[in-house]
Amino acid sequence: MMNFDSTSKMNKEVMDNMLTTMSAMTKGFQQIAAEATEYSKKSYEDSAATVEKLVSAKSLDKAIEIQTDYAKTSYETFVAQATKMSELYADLAKEAYKPFEVAASKVAA
């Protein structure tokens, strides 16, 4: 009977850990999706504004300047976004692993 109780308790802990992990993953993926959507929207708006500037450019030199500024800004924004996304994925992994880390420390003790 003692073995059944300990097995039941262990199964409950495992299930709780899995549910906590799934909750953390869901929250993390929602953050990632929201961030990707926001970045896409801003990127589209920036490119549309650049096209408007290019259309109204009075000279080739001004058009090249506008395009160069856009390329530089787009690259910097992309690198910043990629860094932010990688941090979100790292945070997601840490949060998803946390319940199992606690369980592993209990087993090791």
C-alpha atoms as a PDB file:
ATOM      1  CA  MET A   1       0.000   0.000   0.000  1.00  0.00           C
ATOM      2  CA  MET A   2       2.888   2.349   0.768  1.00  0.00           C
ATOM      3  CA  ASN A   3       4.306   1.838  -2.712  1.00  0.00           C
ATOM      4  CA  PHE A   4       0.956   2.731  -4.311  1.00  0.00           C
ATOM      5  CA  ASP A   5       0.717   5.985  -2.314  1.00  0.00           C
ATOM      6  CA  SER A   6       4.251   7.064  -3.228  1.00  0.00           C
ATOM      7  CA  THR A   7       3.645   6.203  -6.886  1.00  0.00           C
ATOM      8  CA  SER A   8       0.387   8.143  -6.852  1.00  0.00           C
ATOM      9  CA  LYS A   9       2.101  11.151  -5.284  1.00  0.00           C
ATOM     10  CA  MET A  10       4.939  10.973  -7.799  1.00  0.00           C
ATOM     11  CA  ASN A  11       2.478  10.775 -10.708  1.00  0.00           C
ATOM     12  CA  LYS A  12       0.644  13.822  -9.377  1.00  0.00           C
ATOM     13  CA  GLU A  13       3.912  15.771  -9.153  1.00  0.00           C
ATOM     14  CA  VAL A  14       4.856  14.770 -12.693  1.00  0.00           C
ATOM     15  CA  MET A  15       1.456  15.816 -14.006  1.00  0.00           C
ATOM     16  CA  ASP A  16       1.650  19.145 -12.128  1.00  0.00           C
ATOM     17  CA  ASN A  17       5.116  19.746 -13.592  1.00  0.00           C
ATOM     18  CA  MET A  18       3.882  18.979 -17.091  1.00  0.00           C
ATOM     19  CA  LEU A  19       0.918  21.337 -16.716  1.00  0.00           C
ATOM     20  CA  THR A  20       3.160  24.091 -15.363  1.00  0.00           C
ATOM     21  CA  THR A  21       5.529  23.578 -18.264  1.00  0.00           C
ATOM     22  CA  MET A  22       2.722  23.667 -20.821  1.00  0.00           C
ATOM     23  CA  SER A  23       1.380  26.852 -19.251  1.00  0.00           C
ATOM     24  CA  ALA A  24       4.825  28.490 -19.395  1.00  0.00           C
ATOM     25  CA  MET A  25       5.279  27.387 -23.004  1.00  0.00           C
ATOM     26  CA  THR A  26       1.872  28.723 -24.022  1.00  0.00           C
ATOM     27  CA  LYS A  27       2.597  32.069 -22.403  1.00  0.00           C
ATOM     28  CA  GLY A  28       6.054  32.196 -24.000  1.00  0.00           C
ATOM     29  CA  PHE A  29       4.773  31.384 -27.478  1.00  0.00           C
ATOM     30  CA  GLN A  30       2.080  34.042 -27.103  1.00  0.00           C
ATOM     31  CA  GLN A  31       4.757  36.604 -26.261  1.00  0.00           C
ATOM     32  CA  ILE A  32       6.844  35.501 -29.235  1.00  0.00           C
ATOM     33  CA  ALA A  33       3.868  35.684 -31.599  1.00  0.00           C
ATOM     34  CA  ALA A  34       2.897  39.138 -30.331  1.00  0.00           C
ATOM     35  CA  GLU A  35       6.452  40.369 -30.725  1.00  0.00           C
ATOM     36  CA  ALA A  36       6.739  38.951 -34.253  1.00  0.00           C
ATOM     37  CA  THR A  37       3.426  40.529 -35.234  1.00  0.00           C
ATOM     38  CA  GLU A  38       4.454  43.908 -33.868  1.00  0.00           C
ATOM     39  CA  TYR A  39       7.806  43.747 -35.674  1.00  0.00           C
ATOM     40  CA  SER A  40       6.151  42.773 -38.965  1.00  0.00           C
ATOM     41  CA  LYS A  41       3.666  45.622 -38.687  1.00  0.00           C
ATOM     42  CA  LYS A  42       6.390  48.172 -37.923  1.00  0.00           C
ATOM     43  CA  SER A  43       8.569  46.831 -40.735  1.00  0.00           C
ATOM     44  CA  TYR A  44       5.724  47.161 -43.216  1.00  0.00           C
ATOM     45  CA  GLU A  45       4.961  50.713 -42.076  1.00  0.00           C
ATOM     46  CA  ASP A  46       8.634  51.702 -42.349  1.00  0.00           C
ATOM     47  CA  SER A  47       8.949  50.262 -45.858  1.00  0.00           C
ATOM     48  CA  ALA A  48       5.726  51.985 -46.975  1.00  0.00           C
ATOM     49  CA  ALA A  49       7.012  55.308 -45.642  1.00  0.00           C
ATOM     50  CA  THR A  50      10.304  54.777 -47.466  1.00  0.00           C
ATOM     51  CA  VAL A  51       8.517  54.080 -50.745  1.00  0.00           C
ATOM     52  CA  GLU A  52       6.587  57.338 -50.313  1.00  0.00           C
ATOM     53  CA  LYS A  53       9.850  59.205 -49.710  1.00  0.00           C
ATOM     54  CA  LEU A  54      11.438  57.577 -52.756  1.00  0.00           C
ATOM     55  CA  VAL A  55       8.519  58.527 -54.982  1.00  0.00           C
ATOM     56  CA  SER A  56       8.773  62.150 -53.867  1.00  0.00           C
ATOM     57  CA  ALA A  57      12.581  62.329 -54.198  1.00  0.00           C
ATOM     58  CA  LYS A  58      13.649  65.124 -56.548  1.00  0.00           C
ATOM     59  CA  SER A  59      17.032  63.700 -57.512  1.00  0.00           C
ATOM     60  CA  LEU A  60      18.858  60.428 -57.846  1.00  0.00           C
ATOM     61  CA  ASP A  61      21.255  61.419 -55.054  1.00  0.00           C
ATOM     62  CA  LYS A  62      18.334  62.027 -52.684  1.00  0.00           C
ATOM     63  CA  ALA A  63      16.763  58.680 -53.640  1.00  0.00           C
ATOM     64  CA  ILE A  64      20.056  56.879 -52.963  1.00  0.00           C
ATOM     65  CA  GLU A  65      20.337  58.665 -49.612  1.00  0.00           C
ATOM     66  CA  ILE A  66      16.781  57.632 -48.662  1.00  0.00           C
ATOM     67  CA  GLN A  67      17.430  54.013 -49.692  1.00  0.00           C
ATOM     68  CA  THR A  68      20.751  53.909 -47.824  1.00  0.00           C
ATOM     69  CA  ASP A  69      19.159  55.283 -44.645  1.00  0.00           C
ATOM     70  CA  TYR A  70      16.346  52.761 -44.935  1.00  0.00           C
ATOM     71  CA  ALA A  71      18.762  49.850 -45.419  1.00  0.00           C
ATOM     72  CA  LYS A  72      20.845  50.922 -42.417  1.00  0.00           C
ATOM     73  CA  THR A  73      17.814  51.407 -40.187  1.00  0.00           C
ATOM     74  CA  SER A  74      16.249  48.124 -41.333  1.00  0.00           C
ATOM     75  CA  TYR A  75      19.429  46.205 -40.580  1.00  0.00           C
ATOM     76  CA  GLU A  76      19.786  47.742 -37.114  1.00  0.00           C
ATOM     77  CA  THR A  77      16.128  47.081 -36.350  1.00  0.00           C
ATOM     78  CA  PHE A  78      16.436  43.479 -37.547  1.00  0.00           C
ATOM     79  CA  VAL A  79      19.486  42.803 -35.380  1.00  0.00           C
ATOM     80  CA  ALA A  80      17.737  44.303 -32.338  1.00  0.00           C
ATOM     81  CA  GLN A  81      14.624  42.234 -33.046  1.00  0.00           C
ATOM     82  CA  ALA A  82      16.633  39.041 -33.521  1.00  0.00           C
ATOM     83  CA  THR A  83      18.338  39.646 -30.177  1.00  0.00           C
ATOM     84  CA  LYS A  84      14.996  40.258 -28.491  1.00  0.00           C
ATOM     85  CA  MET A  85      13.483  37.108 -30.022  1.00  0.00           C
ATOM     86  CA  SER A  86      16.436  34.972 -28.960  1.00  0.00           C
ATOM     87  CA  GLU A  87      16.027  36.282 -25.409  1.00  0.00           C
ATOM     88  CA  LEU A  88      12.333  35.389 -25.496  1.00  0.00           C
ATOM     89  CA  TYR A  89      13.150  31.853 -26.651  1.00  0.00           C
ATOM     90  CA  ALA A  90      15.818  31.502 -23.944  1.00  0.00           C
ATOM     91  CA  ASP A  91      13.361  32.709 -21.295  1.00  0.00           C
ATOM     92  CA  LEU A  92      10.777  30.255 -22.621  1.00  0.00           C
ATOM     93  CA  ALA A  93      13.213  27.360 -22.302  1.00  0.00           C
ATOM     94  CA  LYS A  94      14.188  28.384 -18.760  1.00  0.00           C
ATOM     95  CA  GLU A  95      10.576  28.686 -17.631  1.00  0.00           C
ATOM     96  CA  ALA A  96       9.566  25.398 -19.255  1.00  0.00           C
ATOM     97  CA  TYR A  97      12.468  23.550 -17.625  1.00  0.00           C
ATOM     98  CA  LYS A  98      12.046  25.049 -14.145  1.00  0.00           C
ATOM     99  CA  PRO A  99       9.468  22.521 -12.801  1.00  0.00           C
ATOM    100  CA  PHE A 100      11.622  19.598 -13.894  1.00  0.00           C
ATOM    101  CA  GLU A 101      14.707  21.203 -12.396  1.00  0.00           C
ATOM    102  CA  VAL A 102      12.936  21.282  -9.021  1.00  0.00           C
ATOM    103  CA  ALA A 103      11.877  17.648  -9.419  1.00  0.00           C
ATOM    104  CA  ALA A 104      15.399  16.602 -10.345  1.00  0.00           C
ATOM    105  CA  SER A 105      16.815  18.336  -7.282  1.00  0.00           C
ATOM    106  CA  LYS A 106      14.308  16.442  -5.100  1.00  0.00           C
ATOM    107  CA  VAL A 107      15.394  13.132  -6.604  1.00  0.00           C
ATOM    108  CA  ALA A 108      19.065  13.972  -6.168  1.00  0.00           C
ATOM    109  CA  ALA A 109      18.558  14.877  -2.496  1.00  0.00           C
END
